C-alpha atoms as a PDB file:
ATOM      1  CA  UNK A   1      14.852  69.005  -0.048  1.00  0.00           C
ATOM      2  CA  UNK A   2      13.564  66.190  -2.375  1.00  0.00           C
ATOM      3  CA  UNK A   3      10.225  66.652  -4.276  1.00  0.00           C
ATOM      4  CA  UNK A   4       7.970  63.917  -3.798  1.00  0.00           C
ATOM      5  CA  UNK A   5       4.954  65.078  -5.533  1.00  0.00           C
ATOM      6  CA  UNK A   6       3.253  68.050  -6.761  1.00  0.00           C
ATOM      7  CA  UNK A   7      -0.049  66.342  -7.129  1.00  0.00           C
ATOM      8  CA  UNK A   8      -2.646  68.280  -5.123  1.00  0.00           C
ATOM      9  CA  UNK A   9      -4.953  65.120  -5.023  1.00  0.00           C
ATOM     10  CA  UNK A  10      -2.131  63.115  -2.989  1.00  0.00           C
ATOM     11  CA  UNK A  11      -1.202  66.161  -1.263  1.00  0.00           C
ATOM     12  CA  UNK A  12      -4.948  66.358   0.116  1.00  0.00           C
ATOM     13  CA  UNK A  13      -4.838  62.755   0.729  1.00  0.00           C
ATOM     14  CA  UNK A  14      -2.325  63.211   2.998  1.00  0.00           C
ATOM     15  CA  UNK A  15      -3.926  65.633   4.770  1.00  0.00           C
ATOM     16  CA  UNK A  16      -6.978  63.434   5.144  1.00  0.00           C
ATOM     17  CA  UNK A  17      -4.722  60.332   6.449  1.00  0.00           C
ATOM     18  CA  UNK A  18      -3.435  62.427   9.237  1.00  0.00           C
ATOM     19  CA  UNK A  19      -6.192  61.760  11.612  1.00  0.00           C
ATOM     20  CA  UNK A  20      -5.723  58.032  11.109  1.00  0.00           C
ATOM     21  CA  UNK A  21      -2.184  57.798  12.091  1.00  0.00           C
ATOM     22  CA  UNK A  22      -1.505  54.936  14.178  1.00  0.00           C
ATOM     23  CA  UNK A  23      -1.544  55.960  17.998  1.00  0.00           C
ATOM     24  CA  UNK A  24       1.945  54.114  18.992  1.00  0.00           C
ATOM     25  CA  UNK A  25       3.891  54.968  21.543  1.00  0.00           C
ATOM     26  CA  UNK A  26       6.847  57.282  20.568  1.00  0.00           C
ATOM     27  CA  UNK A  27       9.867  55.854  21.399  1.00  0.00           C
ATOM     28  CA  UNK A  28       8.719  52.199  21.566  1.00  0.00           C
ATOM     29  CA  UNK A  29       9.277  49.770  19.006  1.00  0.00           C
ATOM     30  CA  UNK A  30       6.254  49.508  16.070  1.00  0.00           C
ATOM     31  CA  UNK A  31       4.970  45.810  16.547  1.00  0.00           C
ATOM     32  CA  UNK A  32       6.822  43.834  13.973  1.00  0.00           C
ATOM     33  CA  UNK A  33       9.792  45.803  13.164  1.00  0.00           C
ATOM     34  CA  UNK A  34      12.941  46.435  14.454  1.00  0.00           C
ATOM     35  CA  UNK A  35      12.849  50.224  14.757  1.00  0.00           C
ATOM     36  CA  UNK A  36      11.155  52.595  17.369  1.00  0.00           C
ATOM     37  CA  UNK A  37       7.958  54.657  16.157  1.00  0.00           C
ATOM     38  CA  UNK A  38       8.965  58.321  15.881  1.00  0.00           C
ATOM     39  CA  UNK A  39       8.159  61.335  14.089  1.00  0.00           C
ATOM     40  CA  UNK A  40       9.977  59.893  11.078  1.00  0.00           C
ATOM     41  CA  UNK A  41       7.563  57.156  11.262  1.00  0.00           C
ATOM     42  CA  UNK A  42       4.888  59.077  11.296  1.00  0.00           C
ATOM     43  CA  UNK A  43       5.857  60.898   8.098  1.00  0.00           C
ATOM     44  CA  UNK A  44       6.760  57.801   6.240  1.00  0.00           C
ATOM     45  CA  UNK A  45       3.320  56.210   7.054  1.00  0.00           C
ATOM     46  CA  UNK A  46       1.640  59.186   5.518  1.00  0.00           C
ATOM     47  CA  UNK A  47       3.311  59.379   2.582  1.00  0.00           C
ATOM     48  CA  UNK A  48       3.207  55.302   1.809  1.00  0.00           C
ATOM     49  CA  UNK A  49      -0.462  55.719   2.808  1.00  0.00           C
ATOM     50  CA  UNK A  50      -0.938  58.191   0.328  1.00  0.00           C
ATOM     51  CA  UNK A  51       0.138  56.251  -2.454  1.00  0.00           C
ATOM     52  CA  UNK A  52       4.168  57.962  -2.852  1.00  0.00           C
ATOM     53  CA  UNK A  53       6.606  55.630  -3.680  1.00  0.00           C
ATOM     54  CA  UNK A  54       9.341  55.732  -1.115  1.00  0.00           C
ATOM     55  CA  UNK A  55      11.693  52.951  -2.258  1.00  0.00           C
ATOM     56  CA  UNK A  56      14.273  55.451  -3.469  1.00  0.00           C
ATOM     57  CA  UNK A  57      13.870  57.612  -0.569  1.00  0.00           C
ATOM     58  CA  UNK A  58      16.729  57.341   1.711  1.00  0.00           C
ATOM     59  CA  UNK A  59      18.429  60.098   4.746  1.00  0.00           C
ATOM     60  CA  UNK A  60      21.203  61.654   2.930  1.00  0.00           C
ATOM     61  CA  UNK A  61      24.638  60.214   3.471  1.00  0.00           C
ATOM     62  CA  UNK A  62      25.723  60.321   6.915  1.00  0.00           C
ATOM     63  CA  UNK A  63      22.193  61.507   8.024  1.00  0.00           C
ATOM     64  CA  UNK A  64      19.477  59.523  10.074  1.00  0.00           C
ATOM     65  CA  UNK A  65      15.927  59.092   9.835  1.00  0.00           C
ATOM     66  CA  UNK A  66      15.333  56.815  13.055  1.00  0.00           C
ATOM     67  CA  UNK A  67      11.887  55.122  12.348  1.00  0.00           C
ATOM     68  CA  UNK A  68      11.431  55.663   8.887  1.00  0.00           C
ATOM     69  CA  UNK A  69      11.296  52.077   7.887  1.00  0.00           C
ATOM     70  CA  UNK A  70       8.863  51.389  10.887  1.00  0.00           C
ATOM     71  CA  UNK A  71       6.196  53.844   9.338  1.00  0.00           C
ATOM     72  CA  UNK A  72       6.660  52.064   6.218  1.00  0.00           C
ATOM     73  CA  UNK A  73       6.232  48.522   7.296  1.00  0.00           C
ATOM     74  CA  UNK A  74       3.435  49.657   9.416  1.00  0.00           C
ATOM     75  CA  UNK A  75       1.586  51.092   6.162  1.00  0.00           C
ATOM     76  CA  UNK A  76       1.990  48.002   4.125  1.00  0.00           C
ATOM     77  CA  UNK A  77       0.453  45.804   7.298  1.00  0.00           C
ATOM     78  CA  UNK A  78      -2.567  48.205   7.449  1.00  0.00           C
ATOM     79  CA  UNK A  79      -2.776  48.089   3.585  1.00  0.00           C
ATOM     80  CA  UNK A  80      -2.183  44.502   3.980  1.00  0.00           C
END
Protein backbone atom coordinates (compact mmCIF):
# COMPACT_ATOMS: atom_id res chain seq x y z
CA UNK A 1 0.00 0.00 0.00
CA UNK A 2 1.10 3.54 -0.78
CA UNK A 3 -0.63 6.21 1.32
CA UNK A 4 -1.59 9.12 -0.93
CA UNK A 5 -3.35 11.40 1.55
CA UNK A 6 -4.91 11.51 4.97
CA UNK A 7 -6.73 14.78 4.23
CA UNK A 8 -10.41 14.20 5.01
CA UNK A 9 -11.52 16.96 2.61
CA UNK A 10 -9.77 15.23 -0.29
CA UNK A 11 -11.12 11.84 0.76
CA UNK A 12 -14.67 13.22 0.92
CA UNK A 13 -14.07 14.85 -2.46
CA UNK A 14 -13.30 11.46 -3.97
CA UNK A 15 -16.62 10.13 -2.72
CA UNK A 16 -18.43 13.18 -4.12
CA UNK A 17 -16.73 12.71 -7.50
CA UNK A 18 -17.82 9.08 -7.85
CA UNK A 19 -21.21 9.84 -9.46
CA UNK A 20 -19.39 11.94 -12.10
CA UNK A 21 -17.11 9.08 -13.12
CA UNK A 22 -17.02 9.00 -16.94
CA UNK A 23 -19.29 6.36 -18.39
CA UNK A 24 -16.78 5.06 -20.86
CA UNK A 25 -17.07 1.45 -21.96
CA UNK A 26 -14.83 -0.91 -19.99
CA UNK A 27 -12.26 -2.53 -22.25
CA UNK A 28 -12.60 0.03 -25.06
CA UNK A 29 -9.94 2.61 -25.79
CA UNK A 30 -10.58 5.86 -23.96
CA UNK A 31 -10.89 8.61 -26.58
CA UNK A 32 -7.61 10.44 -27.09
CA UNK A 33 -5.52 7.81 -25.29
CA UNK A 34 -3.65 4.65 -26.21
CA UNK A 35 -5.14 2.68 -23.32
CA UNK A 36 -8.37 0.89 -22.59
CA UNK A 37 -10.75 2.18 -19.94
CA UNK A 38 -10.64 -0.16 -16.94
CA UNK A 39 -11.22 -0.11 -13.20
CA UNK A 40 -7.64 1.21 -12.90
CA UNK A 41 -8.71 4.13 -15.13
CA UNK A 42 -11.63 4.85 -12.82
CA UNK A 43 -9.39 4.94 -9.75
CA UNK A 44 -6.75 7.17 -11.35
CA UNK A 45 -9.49 9.49 -12.67
CA UNK A 46 -11.01 9.85 -9.20
CA UNK A 47 -7.66 10.47 -7.52
CA UNK A 48 -6.46 12.94 -10.15
CA UNK A 49 -9.75 14.88 -10.17
CA UNK A 50 -9.61 15.05 -6.36
CA UNK A 51 -6.28 16.85 -6.65
CA UNK A 52 -3.90 14.07 -5.66
CA UNK A 53 -0.58 14.30 -7.46
CA UNK A 54 -0.09 10.99 -9.24
CA UNK A 55 3.10 11.93 -11.09
CA UNK A 56 5.16 9.65 -8.84
CA UNK A 57 2.63 6.83 -8.56
CA UNK A 58 3.41 3.76 -10.67
CA UNK A 59 2.75 0.04 -10.46
CA UNK A 60 5.36 -1.90 -8.50
CA UNK A 61 8.25 -3.40 -10.50
CA UNK A 62 6.85 -6.19 -12.61
CA UNK A 63 3.29 -5.09 -11.82
CA UNK A 64 0.63 -3.76 -14.15
CA UNK A 65 -2.22 -1.29 -13.99
CA UNK A 66 -3.78 -1.36 -17.46
CA UNK A 67 -5.71 1.81 -18.11
CA UNK A 68 -4.09 3.82 -15.29
CA UNK A 69 -2.80 6.52 -17.63
CA UNK A 70 -6.11 6.70 -19.53
CA UNK A 71 -7.82 7.83 -16.32
CA UNK A 72 -5.20 10.49 -15.69
CA UNK A 73 -5.39 11.72 -19.30
CA UNK A 74 -9.19 11.86 -19.16
CA UNK A 75 -9.08 13.81 -15.88
CA UNK A 76 -6.81 16.39 -17.50
CA UNK A 77 -9.09 16.56 -20.52
CA UNK A 78 -12.14 17.25 -18.33
CA UNK A 79 -10.26 19.83 -16.24
CA UNK A 80 -8.73 21.50 -19.31
